[in-house]
C-alpha cells in the first residue's frame, strides 16, 4: 500500500486551502461521490491533526496522510493524487 501525491497537486492544495509549511491534510473515506473502489463511497480531504497515521507522504511542506482505520478502502493498492492542469482538476486514483 502506498500514498503518492504529485508535486503539482500538492502546490494546488497549498494555494487553494491557504496552507503553510507544517500543515497536514487527512484523506478520509466518505459516503457518496464517485469512488471507483467501493460503490457509494469516495475519498475526501480536510486539514486535520494526525492521530494514528497509516500512510503518509510529505511534499511541498505539507503532510498528506490516511489514518489506519481508513486503509481498508485502498485494498492494498496505491493511492495517487494528481492535478490535471488543462482541466484544473484534482484526481484521486486507486491503482
N, C-alpha and C. Protein backbone atom coordinates (compact mmCIF):
# COMPACT_ATOMS: atom_id res chain seq x y z
N UNK A 1 0.84 -1.17 0.00
CA UNK A 1 0.00 0.00 0.00
C UNK A 1 0.89 1.24 0.00
N UNK A 2 0.46 2.26 -0.77
CA UNK A 2 1.30 3.43 -0.91
C UNK A 2 0.45 4.66 -1.19
N UNK A 3 0.90 5.81 -0.70
CA UNK A 3 0.27 7.10 -0.96
C UNK A 3 1.27 7.96 -1.73
N UNK A 4 0.89 8.41 -2.92
CA UNK A 4 1.75 9.26 -3.75
C UNK A 4 0.99 10.53 -4.09
N UNK A 5 1.57 11.66 -3.72
CA UNK A 5 0.99 12.96 -4.05
C UNK A 5 1.97 13.65 -5.00
N UNK A 6 1.51 13.95 -6.20
CA UNK A 6 2.38 14.61 -7.16
C UNK A 6 2.56 16.08 -6.77
N UNK A 7 3.69 16.64 -7.14
CA UNK A 7 4.05 17.99 -6.73
C UNK A 7 3.02 19.04 -7.18
N UNK A 8 2.51 18.93 -8.39
CA UNK A 8 1.52 19.90 -8.87
C UNK A 8 0.25 19.85 -8.02
N UNK A 9 -0.15 18.65 -7.59
CA UNK A 9 -1.34 18.52 -6.73
C UNK A 9 -1.08 19.13 -5.37
N UNK A 10 0.09 18.89 -4.82
CA UNK A 10 0.43 19.46 -3.51
C UNK A 10 0.43 20.98 -3.57
N UNK A 11 1.00 21.55 -4.63
CA UNK A 11 1.00 23.01 -4.79
C UNK A 11 -0.41 23.55 -4.90
N UNK A 12 -1.27 22.85 -5.64
CA UNK A 12 -2.66 23.28 -5.80
C UNK A 12 -3.38 23.31 -4.45
N UNK A 13 -3.26 22.24 -3.67
CA UNK A 13 -3.88 22.21 -2.34
C UNK A 13 -3.33 23.32 -1.46
N UNK A 14 -2.03 23.53 -1.51
CA UNK A 14 -1.40 24.55 -0.67
C UNK A 14 -1.97 25.94 -0.99
N UNK A 15 -2.13 26.22 -2.28
CA UNK A 15 -2.68 27.51 -2.69
C UNK A 15 -4.18 27.62 -2.39
N UNK A 16 -4.93 26.62 -2.78
CA UNK A 16 -6.40 26.68 -2.65
C UNK A 16 -6.87 26.66 -1.21
N UNK A 17 -6.14 25.96 -0.34
CA UNK A 17 -6.56 25.84 1.06
C UNK A 17 -5.74 26.76 1.98
N UNK A 18 -4.93 27.63 1.37
CA UNK A 18 -4.12 28.59 2.12
C UNK A 18 -3.32 27.90 3.23
N UNK A 19 -2.59 26.85 2.83
CA UNK A 19 -1.82 26.05 3.78
C UNK A 19 -0.43 26.62 3.97
N UNK A 20 0.15 26.34 5.11
CA UNK A 20 1.52 26.73 5.43
C UNK A 20 2.36 25.49 5.63
N UNK A 21 3.68 25.64 5.49
CA UNK A 21 4.57 24.52 5.77
C UNK A 21 4.28 23.98 7.17
N UNK A 22 4.21 22.66 7.28
CA UNK A 22 3.92 22.01 8.55
C UNK A 22 2.46 21.63 8.72
N UNK A 23 1.57 22.12 7.84
CA UNK A 23 0.16 21.73 7.92
C UNK A 23 -0.01 20.28 7.45
N UNK A 24 -1.13 19.68 7.83
CA UNK A 24 -1.41 18.29 7.47
C UNK A 24 -2.81 18.18 6.86
N UNK A 25 -2.91 17.37 5.82
CA UNK A 25 -4.19 17.10 5.18
C UNK A 25 -4.51 15.61 5.32
N UNK A 26 -5.67 15.33 5.91
CA UNK A 26 -6.12 13.94 6.11
C UNK A 26 -7.01 13.54 4.94
N UNK A 27 -6.72 12.40 4.36
CA UNK A 27 -7.55 11.81 3.31
C UNK A 27 -8.43 10.78 4.00
N UNK A 28 -9.74 10.89 3.79
CA UNK A 28 -10.67 10.04 4.52
C UNK A 28 -11.73 9.46 3.61
N UNK A 29 -12.34 8.37 4.04
CA UNK A 29 -13.43 7.72 3.32
C UNK A 29 -14.73 8.43 3.70
N UNK A 30 -15.52 8.74 2.66
CA UNK A 30 -16.80 9.40 2.92
C UNK A 30 -17.91 8.72 2.13
N UNK A 31 -19.11 8.90 2.61
CA UNK A 31 -20.30 8.35 1.96
C UNK A 31 -20.67 9.21 0.76
N UNK A 32 -20.92 8.57 -0.37
CA UNK A 32 -21.32 9.29 -1.57
C UNK A 32 -20.14 9.58 -2.48
N UNK A 33 -20.42 10.26 -3.57
CA UNK A 33 -19.37 10.60 -4.52
C UNK A 33 -19.18 9.51 -5.55
N UNK A 34 -18.11 9.62 -6.30
CA UNK A 34 -17.84 8.72 -7.42
C UNK A 34 -16.59 7.89 -7.18
N UNK A 35 -16.54 7.16 -6.11
CA UNK A 35 -15.38 6.33 -5.84
C UNK A 35 -15.34 5.14 -6.78
N UNK A 36 -14.15 4.74 -7.17
CA UNK A 36 -14.02 3.63 -8.11
C UNK A 36 -13.74 2.31 -7.42
N UNK A 37 -13.46 2.34 -6.13
CA UNK A 37 -13.06 1.13 -5.43
C UNK A 37 -14.25 0.47 -4.74
N UNK A 38 -15.04 1.26 -4.03
CA UNK A 38 -16.21 0.76 -3.31
C UNK A 38 -17.42 1.60 -3.70
N UNK A 39 -18.42 1.00 -4.35
CA UNK A 39 -19.61 1.77 -4.77
C UNK A 39 -20.25 2.49 -3.58
N UNK A 40 -20.61 3.76 -3.82
CA UNK A 40 -21.28 4.54 -2.80
C UNK A 40 -20.34 5.25 -1.84
N UNK A 41 -19.03 5.02 -1.99
CA UNK A 41 -18.03 5.66 -1.13
C UNK A 41 -16.99 6.35 -2.00
N UNK A 42 -16.40 7.40 -1.46
CA UNK A 42 -15.33 8.10 -2.17
C UNK A 42 -14.36 8.67 -1.14
N UNK A 43 -13.36 9.39 -1.62
CA UNK A 43 -12.37 9.97 -0.72
C UNK A 43 -12.56 11.48 -0.62
N UNK A 44 -12.36 11.99 0.59
CA UNK A 44 -12.38 13.41 0.84
C UNK A 44 -11.06 13.82 1.44
N UNK A 45 -10.87 15.13 1.59
CA UNK A 45 -9.62 15.63 2.17
C UNK A 45 -9.94 16.84 3.05
N UNK A 46 -9.28 16.92 4.19
CA UNK A 46 -9.51 18.02 5.12
C UNK A 46 -8.24 18.32 5.90
N UNK A 47 -8.10 19.55 6.33
CA UNK A 47 -6.98 19.92 7.18
C UNK A 47 -7.27 19.36 8.56
N UNK A 48 -6.29 18.67 9.16
CA UNK A 48 -6.54 18.00 10.43
C UNK A 48 -5.20 17.74 11.13
N UNK A 49 -5.30 17.25 12.34
CA UNK A 49 -4.13 16.86 13.12
C UNK A 49 -4.02 15.34 13.13
N UNK A 50 -2.90 14.78 12.69
CA UNK A 50 -2.74 13.32 12.66
C UNK A 50 -2.88 12.69 14.04
N UNK A 51 -3.53 11.51 14.08
CA UNK A 51 -3.67 10.74 15.32
C UNK A 51 -3.02 9.38 15.18
N UNK A 52 -3.48 8.59 14.23
CA UNK A 52 -2.95 7.25 14.03
C UNK A 52 -2.67 7.05 12.54
N UNK A 53 -1.55 7.58 12.08
CA UNK A 53 -1.24 7.62 10.66
C UNK A 53 -0.90 6.22 10.13
N UNK A 54 -1.59 5.84 9.05
CA UNK A 54 -1.33 4.56 8.41
C UNK A 54 -0.47 4.72 7.17
N UNK A 55 -0.75 5.76 6.38
CA UNK A 55 0.04 6.10 5.19
C UNK A 55 0.35 7.58 5.23
N UNK A 56 1.51 7.96 4.69
CA UNK A 56 1.88 9.37 4.70
C UNK A 56 2.76 9.69 3.51
N UNK A 57 2.68 10.93 3.07
CA UNK A 57 3.56 11.45 2.03
C UNK A 57 3.71 12.94 2.30
N UNK A 58 4.93 13.37 2.53
CA UNK A 58 5.19 14.79 2.77
C UNK A 58 5.81 15.40 1.53
N UNK A 59 5.20 16.51 1.06
CA UNK A 59 5.67 17.19 -0.14
C UNK A 59 5.25 18.65 -0.07
N UNK A 60 6.09 19.54 -0.58
CA UNK A 60 5.81 20.98 -0.54
C UNK A 60 5.56 21.48 0.88
N UNK A 61 6.14 20.80 1.87
CA UNK A 61 5.99 21.21 3.26
C UNK A 61 4.68 20.78 3.90
N UNK A 62 3.86 20.02 3.18
CA UNK A 62 2.54 19.57 3.66
C UNK A 62 2.56 18.06 3.85
N UNK A 63 2.01 17.59 4.96
CA UNK A 63 1.86 16.16 5.20
C UNK A 63 0.49 15.72 4.72
N UNK A 64 0.45 14.84 3.75
CA UNK A 64 -0.78 14.19 3.29
C UNK A 64 -0.79 12.82 3.96
N UNK A 65 -1.93 12.43 4.53
CA UNK A 65 -1.94 11.16 5.25
C UNK A 65 -3.34 10.54 5.28
N UNK A 66 -3.36 9.23 5.56
CA UNK A 66 -4.58 8.49 5.85
C UNK A 66 -4.40 7.83 7.20
N UNK A 67 -5.44 7.86 7.99
CA UNK A 67 -5.42 7.19 9.29
C UNK A 67 -5.55 5.68 9.07
N UNK A 68 -5.04 4.93 10.04
CA UNK A 68 -5.10 3.45 10.00
C UNK A 68 -6.50 2.92 9.70
N UNK A 69 -7.51 3.54 10.33
CA UNK A 69 -8.87 3.00 10.21
C UNK A 69 -9.53 3.26 8.86
N UNK A 70 -8.86 3.93 7.94
CA UNK A 70 -9.40 4.15 6.59
C UNK A 70 -8.62 3.38 5.52
N UNK A 71 -7.59 2.66 5.89
CA UNK A 71 -6.75 1.97 4.91
C UNK A 71 -7.48 0.85 4.18
N UNK A 72 -8.53 0.30 4.77
CA UNK A 72 -9.30 -0.77 4.13
C UNK A 72 -9.79 -0.34 2.74
N UNK A 73 -10.04 0.95 2.56
CA UNK A 73 -10.57 1.47 1.30
C UNK A 73 -9.64 1.17 0.12
N UNK A 74 -8.34 1.17 0.37
CA UNK A 74 -7.37 1.01 -0.71
C UNK A 74 -7.17 -0.44 -1.15
N UNK A 75 -7.61 -1.40 -0.36
CA UNK A 75 -7.45 -2.82 -0.75
C UNK A 75 -6.00 -3.15 -1.11
N UNK A 76 -5.04 -2.69 -0.30
CA UNK A 76 -3.62 -2.95 -0.52
C UNK A 76 -3.08 -2.39 -1.83
N UNK A 77 -3.73 -1.35 -2.37
CA UNK A 77 -3.28 -0.73 -3.62
C UNK A 77 -2.64 0.63 -3.32
N UNK A 78 -2.31 1.35 -4.38
CA UNK A 78 -1.68 2.66 -4.27
C UNK A 78 -2.72 3.76 -4.52
N UNK A 79 -2.69 4.80 -3.70
CA UNK A 79 -3.50 5.99 -3.93
C UNK A 79 -2.58 7.04 -4.52
N UNK A 80 -2.93 7.52 -5.71
CA UNK A 80 -2.14 8.55 -6.39
C UNK A 80 -3.01 9.79 -6.55
N UNK A 81 -2.50 10.93 -6.06
CA UNK A 81 -3.21 12.20 -6.17
C UNK A 81 -2.45 13.07 -7.15
N UNK A 82 -3.15 13.49 -8.21
CA UNK A 82 -2.52 14.30 -9.25
C UNK A 82 -3.40 15.49 -9.59
N UNK A 83 -2.84 16.43 -10.33
CA UNK A 83 -3.55 17.63 -10.75
C UNK A 83 -3.50 17.72 -12.26
N UNK A 84 -4.68 17.80 -12.88
CA UNK A 84 -4.80 17.96 -14.32
C UNK A 84 -4.80 19.46 -14.61
N UNK A 85 -3.67 19.97 -15.10
CA UNK A 85 -3.53 21.40 -15.32
C UNK A 85 -4.47 21.92 -16.40
N UNK A 86 -4.74 21.13 -17.41
CA UNK A 86 -5.62 21.56 -18.51
C UNK A 86 -7.04 21.79 -18.00
N UNK A 87 -7.57 20.84 -17.22
CA UNK A 87 -8.94 20.95 -16.70
C UNK A 87 -8.99 21.57 -15.31
N UNK A 88 -7.81 21.84 -14.73
CA UNK A 88 -7.70 22.38 -13.37
C UNK A 88 -8.51 21.55 -12.37
N UNK A 89 -8.22 20.23 -12.39
CA UNK A 89 -8.93 19.27 -11.53
C UNK A 89 -7.94 18.38 -10.79
N UNK A 90 -8.30 18.06 -9.57
CA UNK A 90 -7.56 17.08 -8.78
C UNK A 90 -8.13 15.70 -9.08
N UNK A 91 -7.23 14.73 -9.22
CA UNK A 91 -7.63 13.34 -9.43
C UNK A 91 -7.07 12.49 -8.30
N UNK A 92 -7.93 11.69 -7.69
CA UNK A 92 -7.51 10.69 -6.70
C UNK A 92 -7.79 9.34 -7.32
N UNK A 93 -6.73 8.61 -7.64
CA UNK A 93 -6.88 7.32 -8.29
C UNK A 93 -6.27 6.22 -7.46
N UNK A 94 -7.00 5.14 -7.29
CA UNK A 94 -6.50 3.95 -6.63
C UNK A 94 -6.09 3.00 -7.74
N UNK A 95 -4.79 2.67 -7.76
CA UNK A 95 -4.25 1.82 -8.84
C UNK A 95 -3.50 0.64 -8.26
